C-alpha atoms as a PDB file:
ATOM      1  CA  MET A   1      26.060 -10.940   3.735  1.00  0.00           C
ATOM      2  CA  LYS A   2      26.378  -9.486   7.495  1.00  0.00           C
ATOM      3  CA  TYR A   3      23.087  -9.409   7.257  1.00  0.00           C
ATOM      4  CA  LEU A   4      21.585 -12.308   6.020  1.00  0.00           C
ATOM      5  CA  PHE A   5      23.981 -14.022   8.759  1.00  0.00           C
ATOM      6  CA  ILE A   6      21.920 -11.858  12.151  1.00  0.00           C
ATOM      7  CA  SER A   7      19.127 -13.563  10.378  1.00  0.00           C
ATOM      8  CA  MET A   8      20.081 -17.101   9.531  1.00  0.00           C
ATOM      9  CA  ILE A   9      20.917 -17.162  13.558  1.00  0.00           C
ATOM     10  CA  LEU A  10      17.437 -14.846  14.699  1.00  0.00           C
ATOM     11  CA  ALA A  11      15.665 -17.346  12.909  1.00  0.00           C
ATOM     12  CA  GLY A  12      17.169 -20.276  14.246  1.00  0.00           C
ATOM     13  CA  GLY A  13      16.904 -19.138  17.577  1.00  0.00           C
ATOM     14  CA  LEU A  14      13.676 -18.096  16.661  1.00  0.00           C
ATOM     15  CA  GLY A  15      12.827 -21.982  16.157  1.00  0.00           C
ATOM     16  CA  ILE A  16      14.122 -23.063  18.789  1.00  0.00           C
ATOM     17  CA  ILE A  17      12.474 -20.818  21.425  1.00  0.00           C
ATOM     18  CA  LEU A  18       8.939 -21.806  19.235  1.00  0.00           C
ATOM     19  CA  ILE A  19      10.021 -25.301  19.400  1.00  0.00           C
ATOM     20  CA  MET A  20       9.276 -25.315  23.075  1.00  0.00           C
ATOM     21  CA  PHE A  21       5.494 -23.949  23.769  1.00  0.00           C
ATOM     22  CA  GLU A  22       1.964 -25.993  22.920  1.00  0.00           C
ATOM     23  CA  PRO A  23       1.842 -27.037  19.554  1.00  0.00           C
ATOM     24  CA  ILE A  24      -1.031 -24.034  19.553  1.00  0.00           C
ATOM     25  CA  PHE A  25      -0.131 -21.527  20.309  1.00  0.00           C
ATOM     26  CA  ALA A  26       3.531 -21.842  18.419  1.00  0.00           C
ATOM     27  CA  GLY A  27       1.583 -22.535  15.691  1.00  0.00           C
ATOM     28  CA  LEU A  28      -0.270 -20.001  16.195  1.00  0.00           C
ATOM     29  CA  LEU A  29       2.952 -17.551  17.442  1.00  0.00           C
ATOM     30  CA  ALA A  30       4.552 -19.162  14.019  1.00  0.00           C
ATOM     31  CA  PHE A  31       1.481 -18.381  11.668  1.00  0.00           C
ATOM     32  CA  GLY A  32       1.547 -14.545  12.677  1.00  0.00           C
ATOM     33  CA  ILE A  33       5.603 -14.132  11.570  1.00  0.00           C
ATOM     34  CA  VAL A  34       4.701 -16.071   8.538  1.00  0.00           C
ATOM     35  CA  GLY A  35       1.628 -13.305   7.662  1.00  0.00           C
ATOM     36  CA  GLY A  36       2.954 -10.447   8.843  1.00  0.00           C
ATOM     37  CA  CYS A  37       6.261 -11.019   6.770  1.00  0.00           C
ATOM     38  CA  ILE A  38       4.077 -11.716   3.930  1.00  0.00           C
ATOM     39  CA  PHE A  39       2.110  -8.441   4.273  1.00  0.00           C
ATOM     40  CA  ARG A  40       4.925  -6.059   4.638  1.00  0.00           C
ATOM     41  CA  GLY A  41       6.059  -7.603   1.490  1.00  0.00           C
ATOM     42  CA  VAL A  42       2.490  -7.341  -0.597  1.00  0.00           C
ATOM     43  CA  PHE A  43       3.038  -3.126   0.922  1.00  0.00           C
ATOM     44  CA  LEU A  44       6.455  -3.124   0.045  1.00  0.00           C
ATOM     45  CA  LEU A  45       5.630  -4.630  -3.424  1.00  0.00           C
ATOM     46  CA  GLU A  46       2.698  -1.451  -3.412  1.00  0.00           C
ATOM     47  CA  LYS A  47       5.086   0.438  -3.212  1.00  0.00           C
ATOM     48  CA  ILE A  48       7.987  -0.080  -5.943  1.00  0.00           C
ATOM     49  CA  ASN A  49       4.834  -0.532  -8.368  1.00  0.00           C
ATOM     50  CA  LYS A  50       3.912   2.804  -7.374  1.00  0.00           C
ATOM     51  CA  LYS A  51       7.212   4.538  -7.710  1.00  0.00           C
ATOM     52  CA  LEU A  52       7.899   2.437 -10.881  1.00  0.00           C
ATOM     53  CA  THR A  53       4.850   3.979 -12.555  1.00  0.00           C
ATOM     54  CA  VAL A  54       6.307   7.207 -12.097  1.00  0.00           C
ATOM     55  CA  LEU A  55       8.712   6.030 -14.957  1.00  0.00           C
ATOM     56  CA  VAL A  56       7.196   4.073 -16.926  1.00  0.00           C
ATOM     57  CA  PRO A  57       5.755   5.196 -20.521  1.00  0.00           C
ATOM     58  CA  ASP A  58       1.509   5.665 -20.382  1.00  0.00           C
ATOM     59  CA  LYS A  59       0.346   2.886 -21.736  1.00  0.00           C
ATOM     60  CA  ASN A  60      -1.821   4.248 -24.250  1.00  0.00           C
ATOM     61  CA  LYS A  61       1.139   6.135 -25.839  1.00  0.00           C
ATOM     62  CA  VAL A  62       2.885   1.823 -25.724  1.00  0.00           C
ATOM     63  CA  ILE A  63      -0.290   0.766 -27.351  1.00  0.00           C
ATOM     64  CA  GLU A  64      -0.250   3.170 -30.431  1.00  0.00           C
ATOM     65  CA  ALA A  65       3.683   2.599 -31.196  1.00  0.00           C
ATOM     66  CA  TYR A  66       2.117  -1.274 -31.231  1.00  0.00           C
ATOM     67  CA  GLU A  67      -0.618  -0.081 -33.850  1.00  0.00           C
ATOM     68  CA  LYS A  68       1.278   2.191 -35.640  1.00  0.00           C
ATOM     69  CA  TYR A  69       3.812  -0.431 -35.793  1.00  0.00           C
ATOM     70  CA  LYS A  70       1.284  -3.510 -37.126  1.00  0.00           C
ATOM     71  CA  ASP A  71       0.069  -1.123 -40.238  1.00  0.00           C
ATOM     72  CA  GLU A  72       3.395  -0.504 -41.088  1.00  0.00           C
ATOM     73  CA  LYS A  73       4.587  -4.905 -41.279  1.00  0.00           C
ATOM     74  CA  GLY A  74       0.604  -5.051 -43.268  1.00  0.00           C
ATOM     75  CA  GLU A  75      -0.929  -6.972 -40.458  1.00  0.00           C
ATOM     76  CA  ILE A  76      -3.849  -6.311 -38.643  1.00  0.00           C
END
């Protein structure tokens, strides 16, 4: 909760600072901030995916179990 409040205060301050700059410079700066956040998010998701693949069973085992289930049910 504390970090959310601090983030909101910093974002508001950054917005006020961006309003004071020229539009082109402020737009480039804002684009750089948003782009950096998106790229950081993608890297974090990739890291989470690598850690989760260790916990998830092998896909071949899942496919084999599904095929076995379909054979038992008599479906094609």
